[in-house]
Structures are given as structure tokens and as C-alpha cells.
Amino acid sequence: MMDCTDRHCRYFLRLLSPRIRLYTEMITAAAIVRGDARRWLRFDPSEHPVAVQLGGSDPDLLAAAARLATTEGYDEINLNAGCPSERVSEGAFGACLMNSPGLVADCVSAMRAVTPLPVTVKTRIGVDDRDDYGFLRDFVGIVAAAGCRTFVIHARKAYLAGLSPRENRTVPPLRPDVVYRLRRDFPDLDLIINGGIETGSDIQRHLAAGLDGVMIGRKAYADPWWLTEVDRAFLAEGATEAPFARSTVVEAMAAYARRECGAGTRLHHVSRHLLGLYHGRPGARSWRRALTLGAARPDAGPDLLLEALDQVEERIGAGRDDVARHLWATGT
């Protein structure tokens, strides 16, 4: 989810789901420690619970990044050992780390030594021709012995060469059965499955198999409104919040964009994450066009979101939710 789940996107997703756990895009430990840590780690308090996902393979560097993330107030430190990008592999992190479980264990130990936060690992079920169950079982066992109690597992293997990151999300077949087998062999670990989760039925099937949770990536970015359904169905636990409309969310994001643009942020950096808000709905194309073309203008400002909202709601014959707009604008 690099270049996707930045702080603007996470603020938007939190409006849609008050309870889902958010993850940052993968950030290299070197960028945090040797660069502008505040720029990379900044987030809005409303994002809690939020985890920072780190990329790297140097235990000392990862420990330093984990310490900074802890100071910033994150709720979890997640090490990425699953990204299949060749560029990432050349940097000795991502999915190639599955070939070095001892090193991953050292990284986990180093981070746990400097933070009270849970240190978790995201990985795949295998890499290249190393895709037998024993390889994955041993990797999980070695890393778990270093103190990692939660694994997020994309239920596909990764090809480190020959496939693009996009192809690595679709070409290797999904093997949820492998993750279910891990559940039986590691009953004391928290196991979260990732990959190909598109419907509430998918989520229910994985939970019924005994897994502790699911991670949703590209589906949530392409069709973010779906998160409202997921939140109500699986996380609400009897909560009775009043339903809200897409217009309510746009109003809130316009207020957010006004604040951010006033601090020097370009509107495009906020608006690009909202393109899928009307996914599958009448007016979706009009919404995307209005945001894409409008945000490209040098004078684009937060009111563009409200103008686009007027256009799409006029198209679908819906009125503006003035009461909800007032509530968001006043923060009540």
C-alpha cells in the first residue's frame, strides 16, 4: 500500500470506520532515522488504533525507528517481510526476508528491546520455489521464538523476480488453507489473513476457520465505502451509531482539506484518496472526473470537494445533508 495509506488517506478511512485498525504505508527505517522522522511518522489522533509498518533488515536501524514511532504515539510496530517489489528486495527487506528467518528474529528482538508496543510481522506463505508448508512453519516458529505474537499473512507466495508487484497480488494462487494449517500448529499466536478479501462472506469464512482477523488492502482503497459495512457487521458489537451518508464524509474531508491546505498541503494529496468513494454508484464517473481534473488546477482549493459533491448528488437526485454538514463543521 505504498503511496496509498498516507496520513490523509488514513484520516479519510477513519471517518468511514471508527473501529478498524489502520496501518501506515511501508516506511523504511532508514528514511525515519536518517531523514525527517516527523514527516514520515506524523498522524492525526483520530487515527487510533494505528500501526506503523516498517521496512528494513538492520536490527539497530529498525530499533531506532521503532523507538521514534513509540514516541510519536503509535499503537503497534509492524515489520514488512512480505512486499515482493524488486526494488524492495534489492534493499534487503520485504518478502526476501523470508529466506533469513534468523535475521527477522534478530530484528524483532531489537525492536522489542526498545518499545513496550507489540511488534508484529507481515509476511507471505513462501517465496519463489520455497513454498512448502515446512518453510513457512519454520519461519513463523523462529520469529515467534523472538517474541512476535502476531503474524499478518498474505495467503500467496511471492515471486521475487519476474512478476511486478501488481502481478504478485493476483498471479500466485491464494492458499488460505496454508494459513488455516498454521492456526492448528500455532494455537497461541494471533494470525491475521490478507489477500483476495472482497466480501463479508470472505471475512466470515476466515473467522470461522479460527483466524483472529483479516487485513484488507486494495479493496478498501478502491471501494472505501465498503468499510462502513465491514465495521457494522464485524466490529460494532451492539453499538448503535446513527447511519451517515457519503455527503457527511465529503463535508468532513472538505473541512480537513481546508486545514491542511492552509498549512501548505496541495489539495491533490488529500483528494486523490477520495476517488473511490462513489464506487459502483450512480455519478461515480462524474465524481472521479471532477476531483481529478479540478485538483490539477493551480488554484484548486478545498471547496472543490463541495462542488464535486453538488455535481454528483445532483446527478443521482440526492439532496445535501445540511444537518450532518453542520455537525461536522462544528466538530459536535
Protein backbone atom coordinates (compact mmCIF):
# COMPACT_ATOMS: atom_id res chain seq x y z
CA MET A 1 0.00 0.00 0.00
CA MET A 2 2.95 2.32 -0.57
CA ASP A 3 1.79 5.73 -1.83
CA CYS A 4 -1.74 4.85 -0.72
CA THR A 5 -2.27 4.75 3.05
CA ASP A 6 -0.57 8.01 3.95
CA ARG A 7 -1.92 10.15 6.79
CA HIS A 8 -4.52 11.85 4.59
CA CYS A 9 -5.90 8.51 3.45
CA ARG A 10 -5.97 7.16 7.00
CA TYR A 11 -7.89 10.21 8.24
CA PHE A 12 -10.45 9.56 5.50
CA LEU A 13 -10.72 5.83 6.27
CA ARG A 14 -11.21 6.53 9.95
CA LEU A 15 -14.27 8.59 9.11
CA LEU A 16 -15.72 5.52 7.43
CA SER A 17 -14.86 3.07 10.19
CA PRO A 18 -14.39 4.18 13.81
CA ARG A 19 -13.07 0.78 14.90
CA ILE A 20 -10.88 -0.72 12.19
CA ARG A 21 -7.12 -0.85 12.88
CA LEU A 22 -5.21 1.31 10.41
CA TYR A 23 -1.70 0.68 9.08
CA THR A 24 0.66 3.16 7.51
CA GLU A 25 2.18 2.55 4.14
CA MET A 26 5.52 0.77 4.47
CA ILE A 27 8.16 3.29 5.58
CA THR A 28 11.83 2.38 5.54
CA ALA A 29 13.61 2.56 8.85
CA ALA A 30 16.41 4.50 7.15
CA ALA A 31 14.01 7.22 5.99
CA ILE A 32 12.75 7.67 9.54
CA VAL A 33 16.10 7.59 11.31
CA ARG A 34 18.22 9.44 8.77
CA GLY A 35 15.55 11.71 7.31
CA ASP A 36 12.65 13.78 8.55
CA ALA A 37 11.07 11.48 11.13
CA ARG A 38 8.25 13.92 11.83
CA ARG A 39 7.27 13.99 8.17
CA TRP A 40 7.10 10.20 7.91
CA LEU A 41 5.52 9.45 11.28
CA ARG A 42 3.02 12.27 11.65
CA PHE A 43 -0.61 11.23 12.11
CA ASP A 44 -3.86 12.62 13.40
CA PRO A 45 -5.01 11.48 16.87
CA SER A 46 -8.30 10.33 15.36
CA GLU A 47 -6.44 7.54 13.56
CA HIS A 48 -6.03 5.40 16.69
CA PRO A 49 -5.65 2.49 16.72
CA VAL A 50 -2.90 2.87 14.13
CA ALA A 51 0.20 0.77 13.41
CA VAL A 52 3.37 1.87 11.70
CA GLN A 53 4.70 -0.57 9.12
CA LEU A 54 8.48 -0.54 8.83
CA GLY A 55 10.74 -1.78 6.06
CA GLY A 56 14.32 -2.77 6.76
CA SER A 57 16.68 -5.54 7.78
CA ASP A 58 19.18 -3.79 10.07
CA PRO A 59 18.20 -4.58 13.68
CA ASP A 60 19.80 -1.42 15.07
CA LEU A 61 18.19 0.83 12.47
CA LEU A 62 14.80 -0.79 12.98
CA ALA A 63 15.15 -0.41 16.74
CA ALA A 64 15.89 3.29 16.34
CA ALA A 65 12.85 3.71 14.07
CA ALA A 66 10.66 1.75 16.50
CA ARG A 67 11.78 4.00 19.35
CA LEU A 68 10.82 7.11 17.37
CA ALA A 69 7.47 5.63 16.38
CA THR A 70 6.77 4.81 20.01
CA THR A 71 7.49 8.38 20.99
CA GLU A 72 5.09 9.60 18.30
CA GLY A 73 2.31 7.55 19.88
CA TYR A 74 1.69 4.61 17.54
CA ASP A 75 -0.13 1.54 18.82
CA GLU A 76 1.86 -1.17 17.05
CA ILE A 77 5.14 -1.71 15.21
CA ASN A 78 4.79 -3.94 12.14
CA LEU A 79 7.77 -5.29 10.19
CA ASN A 80 7.13 -5.89 6.50
CA ALA A 81 8.53 -9.23 5.35
CA GLY A 82 6.05 -9.63 2.53
CA CYS A 83 6.49 -6.88 -0.09
CA PRO A 84 7.59 -8.56 -3.37
CA SER A 85 8.91 -5.47 -5.17
CA GLU A 86 12.32 -6.00 -6.79
CA ARG A 87 13.34 -2.54 -5.62
CA VAL A 88 12.47 -3.51 -2.06
CA SER A 89 14.32 -6.82 -2.37
CA GLU A 90 17.43 -5.02 -3.58
CA GLY A 91 17.29 -3.07 -0.32
CA ALA A 92 17.30 -6.39 1.60
CA PHE A 93 13.82 -6.07 3.04
CA GLY A 94 10.30 -7.15 2.19
CA ALA A 95 9.49 -10.71 1.12
CA CYS A 96 13.15 -11.65 0.60
CA LEU A 97 13.47 -11.64 4.40
CA MET A 98 11.58 -14.92 4.48
CA ASN A 99 14.83 -16.50 3.33
CA SER A 100 16.52 -15.21 6.51
CA PRO A 101 14.26 -16.08 9.46
CA GLY A 102 17.12 -15.69 11.91
CA LEU A 103 17.67 -12.12 10.77
CA VAL A 104 13.95 -11.35 11.08
CA ALA A 105 14.06 -12.78 14.60
CA ASP A 106 17.02 -10.51 15.42
CA CYS A 107 15.08 -7.51 14.07
CA VAL A 108 12.05 -8.39 16.18
CA SER A 109 14.21 -8.83 19.29
CA ALA A 110 15.95 -5.50 18.72
CA MET A 111 12.65 -3.63 18.37
CA ARG A 112 11.04 -5.35 21.34
CA ALA A 113 14.01 -4.29 23.47
CA VAL A 114 13.25 -0.59 22.93
CA THR A 115 9.45 -0.43 22.85
CA PRO A 116 6.57 -1.67 25.00
CA LEU A 117 4.38 -1.80 21.90
CA PRO A 118 3.52 -5.11 20.21
CA VAL A 119 5.97 -5.92 17.42
CA THR A 120 4.22 -7.81 14.63
CA VAL A 121 5.31 -9.23 11.27
CA LYS A 122 3.59 -9.18 7.87
CA THR A 123 4.71 -11.92 5.51
CA ARG A 124 3.75 -14.27 2.67
CA ILE A 125 3.31 -18.05 2.64
CA GLY A 126 6.54 -18.54 0.69
CA VAL A 127 8.95 -17.10 -1.86
CA ASP A 128 9.85 -18.40 -5.32
CA ASP A 129 10.37 -22.17 -5.13
CA ARG A 130 10.49 -22.15 -1.34
CA ASP A 131 6.79 -22.60 -0.92
CA ASP A 132 6.35 -25.84 1.01
CA TYR A 133 4.48 -25.66 4.29
CA GLY A 134 7.55 -26.61 6.32
CA PHE A 135 9.36 -23.50 5.11
CA LEU A 136 6.56 -21.23 6.33
CA ARG A 137 6.10 -23.16 9.57
CA ASP A 138 9.79 -22.88 10.42
CA PHE A 139 9.85 -19.17 9.57
CA VAL A 140 6.91 -18.47 11.87
CA GLY A 141 8.34 -20.65 14.61
CA ILE A 142 11.75 -18.95 14.60
CA VAL A 143 10.30 -15.43 14.56
CA ALA A 144 7.71 -16.30 17.21
CA ALA A 145 10.51 -17.52 19.47
CA ALA A 146 11.93 -13.97 19.33
CA GLY A 147 8.70 -12.63 20.83
CA CYS A 148 6.45 -11.90 17.84
CA ARG A 149 2.93 -12.97 18.80
CA THR A 150 1.01 -11.62 15.78
CA PHE A 151 1.57 -12.51 12.13
CA VAL A 152 -0.28 -10.94 9.20
CA ILE A 153 -0.03 -13.42 6.36
CA HIS A 154 -0.78 -12.71 2.71
CA ALA A 155 -2.01 -16.12 1.59
CA ARG A 156 0.02 -16.12 -1.62
CA LYS A 157 3.67 -16.82 -2.17
CA ALA A 158 5.81 -14.07 -3.68
CA TYR A 159 7.96 -14.19 -6.78
CA LEU A 160 10.99 -12.01 -6.13
CA ALA A 161 11.76 -11.68 -9.84
CA GLY A 162 9.70 -11.97 -12.99
CA LEU A 163 6.44 -10.53 -11.66
CA SER A 164 5.51 -6.94 -10.94
CA PRO A 165 4.10 -6.03 -7.51
CA ARG A 166 0.66 -5.82 -9.15
CA GLU A 167 1.04 -9.31 -10.64
CA ASN A 168 2.25 -10.62 -7.29
CA ARG A 169 -1.13 -9.62 -5.87
CA THR A 170 -3.05 -11.72 -8.40
CA VAL A 171 -0.94 -14.32 -10.24
CA PRO A 172 0.26 -16.60 -7.42
CA PRO A 173 -2.81 -18.56 -6.32
CA LEU A 174 -4.42 -17.81 -2.98
CA ARG A 175 -3.82 -20.59 -0.44
CA PRO A 176 -5.87 -19.79 2.67
CA ASP A 177 -5.66 -23.47 3.62
CA VAL A 178 -1.98 -22.93 4.41
CA VAL A 179 -2.83 -20.18 6.90
CA TYR A 180 -5.56 -22.38 8.41
CA ARG A 181 -2.93 -25.09 8.92
CA LEU A 182 -0.74 -22.59 10.74
CA ARG A 183 -3.71 -21.93 13.01
CA ARG A 184 -3.67 -25.56 14.08
CA ASP A 185 0.09 -25.66 14.59
CA PHE A 186 0.35 -22.32 16.46
CA PRO A 187 -2.80 -22.04 18.58
CA ASP A 188 -1.27 -19.40 20.86
CA LEU A 189 -0.36 -16.92 18.10
CA ASP A 190 -2.63 -14.26 16.65
CA LEU A 191 -2.94 -15.00 12.94
CA ILE A 192 -4.43 -12.45 10.55
CA ILE A 193 -5.02 -13.30 6.90
CA ASN A 194 -4.59 -10.96 3.93
CA GLY A 195 -5.17 -11.26 0.21
CA GLY A 196 -8.23 -11.54 -2.02
CA ILE A 197 -10.72 -10.46 0.64
CA GLU A 198 -13.58 -8.85 -1.29
CA THR A 199 -16.82 -9.61 0.58
CA GLY A 200 -18.28 -10.02 4.01
CA SER A 201 -18.60 -13.73 3.25
CA ASP A 202 -14.84 -13.93 2.74
CA ILE A 203 -14.29 -12.35 6.14
CA GLN A 204 -16.79 -14.66 7.82
CA ARG A 205 -15.17 -17.74 6.26
CA HIS A 206 -11.72 -16.83 7.58
CA LEU A 207 -13.01 -16.04 11.05
CA ALA A 208 -14.98 -19.30 11.11
CA ALA A 209 -11.72 -21.12 10.35
CA GLY A 210 -10.34 -19.80 13.62
CA LEU A 211 -8.25 -16.91 12.39
CA ASP A 212 -8.03 -13.83 14.60
CA GLY A 213 -8.68 -11.22 11.96
CA VAL A 214 -8.36 -10.11 8.35
CA MET A 215 -6.34 -7.36 6.72
CA ILE A 216 -7.98 -5.53 3.82
CA GLY A 217 -5.82 -3.55 1.41
CA ARG A 218 -6.59 -2.68 -2.21
CA LYS A 219 -10.30 -3.46 -1.91
CA ALA A 220 -10.67 -0.84 0.84
CA TYR A 221 -8.77 1.72 -1.23
CA ALA A 222 -10.79 1.11 -4.40
CA ASP A 223 -14.16 0.88 -2.64
CA PRO A 224 -13.71 2.65 0.71
CA TRP A 225 -17.44 2.86 1.49
CA TRP A 226 -17.36 -0.93 1.92
CA LEU A 227 -15.57 -0.35 5.21
CA THR A 228 -18.77 1.09 6.67
CA GLU A 229 -20.44 -2.28 6.06
CA VAL A 230 -17.48 -4.20 7.48
CA ASP A 231 -17.42 -2.03 10.58
CA ARG A 232 -21.12 -2.53 11.29
CA ALA A 233 -21.10 -6.25 10.55
CA PHE A 234 -17.94 -7.32 12.37
CA LEU A 235 -16.78 -4.60 14.76
CA ALA A 236 -19.81 -2.72 16.06
CA GLU A 237 -20.63 -5.23 18.85
CA GLY A 238 -24.01 -3.73 19.57
CA ALA A 239 -23.04 -0.10 19.00
CA THR A 240 -25.91 1.95 17.65
CA GLU A 241 -24.37 4.95 15.90
CA ALA A 242 -26.74 6.75 13.58
CA PRO A 243 -26.11 5.91 9.93
CA PHE A 244 -24.39 8.60 7.89
CA ALA A 245 -24.19 9.46 4.20
CA ARG A 246 -21.32 9.87 1.78
CA SER A 247 -22.08 13.58 1.79
CA THR A 248 -21.28 13.65 5.50
CA VAL A 249 -17.84 12.23 4.83
CA VAL A 250 -17.17 14.68 1.99
CA GLU A 251 -18.11 17.59 4.23
CA ALA A 252 -15.71 16.34 6.88
CA MET A 253 -12.91 15.89 4.34
CA ALA A 254 -13.52 19.41 2.98
CA ALA A 255 -13.00 20.77 6.49
CA TYR A 256 -9.87 18.63 6.84
CA ALA A 257 -8.56 19.78 3.44
CA ARG A 258 -9.16 23.40 4.41
CA ARG A 259 -6.94 22.92 7.45
CA GLU A 260 -4.27 21.01 5.54
CA CYS A 261 -4.17 23.35 2.55
CA GLY A 262 -3.83 26.24 4.96
CA ALA A 263 -0.67 24.54 6.22
CA GLY A 264 0.77 24.17 2.71
CA THR A 265 -0.58 20.78 1.58
CA ARG A 266 -1.70 20.57 -2.05
CA LEU A 267 -5.34 19.57 -2.44
CA HIS A 268 -4.39 16.67 -4.72
CA HIS A 269 -2.60 14.93 -1.83
CA VAL A 270 -5.92 14.77 0.01
CA SER A 271 -8.47 14.45 -2.80
CA ARG A 272 -6.77 11.56 -4.61
CA HIS A 273 -7.74 9.20 -1.80
CA LEU A 274 -11.45 10.01 -2.22
CA LEU A 275 -11.77 8.91 -5.86
CA GLY A 276 -13.41 5.60 -4.94
CA LEU A 277 -15.98 6.99 -2.52
CA TYR A 278 -18.84 6.58 -5.01
CA HIS A 279 -17.53 3.28 -6.39
CA GLY A 280 -20.35 1.35 -8.06
CA ARG A 281 -22.84 4.16 -7.51
CA PRO A 282 -24.57 6.49 -9.98
CA GLY A 283 -22.38 9.51 -10.53
CA ALA A 284 -19.11 7.70 -9.73
CA ARG A 285 -17.52 8.69 -13.03
CA SER A 286 -18.60 12.31 -12.62
CA TRP A 287 -17.15 12.35 -9.10
CA ARG A 288 -13.78 10.99 -10.21
CA ARG A 289 -13.57 13.39 -13.15
CA ALA A 290 -14.44 16.41 -11.03
CA LEU A 291 -11.77 15.58 -8.45
CA THR A 292 -9.07 14.54 -10.91
CA LEU A 293 -9.40 17.50 -13.27
CA GLY A 294 -10.22 20.01 -10.58
CA ALA A 295 -7.34 19.12 -8.27
CA ALA A 296 -4.91 19.54 -11.18
CA ARG A 297 -5.70 23.26 -11.36
CA PRO A 298 -3.07 25.50 -9.74
CA ASP A 299 -5.78 27.34 -7.81
CA ALA A 300 -7.55 24.19 -6.58
CA GLY A 301 -8.87 24.56 -3.05
CA PRO A 302 -10.97 22.63 -0.53
CA ASP A 303 -14.25 23.97 -1.97
CA LEU A 304 -13.62 21.69 -4.95
CA LEU A 305 -14.78 18.77 -2.81
CA LEU A 306 -18.06 20.51 -2.09
CA GLU A 307 -18.51 21.45 -5.75
CA ALA A 308 -17.89 17.85 -6.79
CA LEU A 309 -20.36 16.71 -4.14
CA ASP A 310 -23.02 19.04 -5.54
CA GLN A 311 -22.42 17.67 -9.03
CA VAL A 312 -22.64 14.02 -8.09
CA GLU A 313 -25.63 14.42 -5.81
CA GLU A 314 -27.47 16.44 -8.40
CA ARG A 315 -26.78 13.62 -10.81
CA ILE A 316 -28.22 10.98 -8.53
CA GLY A 317 -31.07 13.18 -7.38
CA ALA A 318 -29.98 13.40 -3.75
CA GLY A 319 -30.06 16.50 -1.58
CA ARG A 320 -27.30 17.82 0.62
CA ASP A 321 -27.31 16.68 4.22
CA ASP A 322 -27.27 20.16 5.81
CA VAL A 323 -27.68 18.90 9.37
CA ALA A 324 -24.77 16.47 9.05
CA ARG A 325 -22.67 19.17 7.40
CA HIS A 326 -23.26 21.49 10.33
CA LEU A 327 -22.34 18.77 12.82
CA TRP A 328 -19.05 18.00 11.07
CA ALA A 329 -18.21 21.68 10.58
CA THR A 330 -18.67 22.46 14.27
CA GLY A 331 -16.99 19.29 15.45
CA THR A 332 -20.02 18.20 17.50
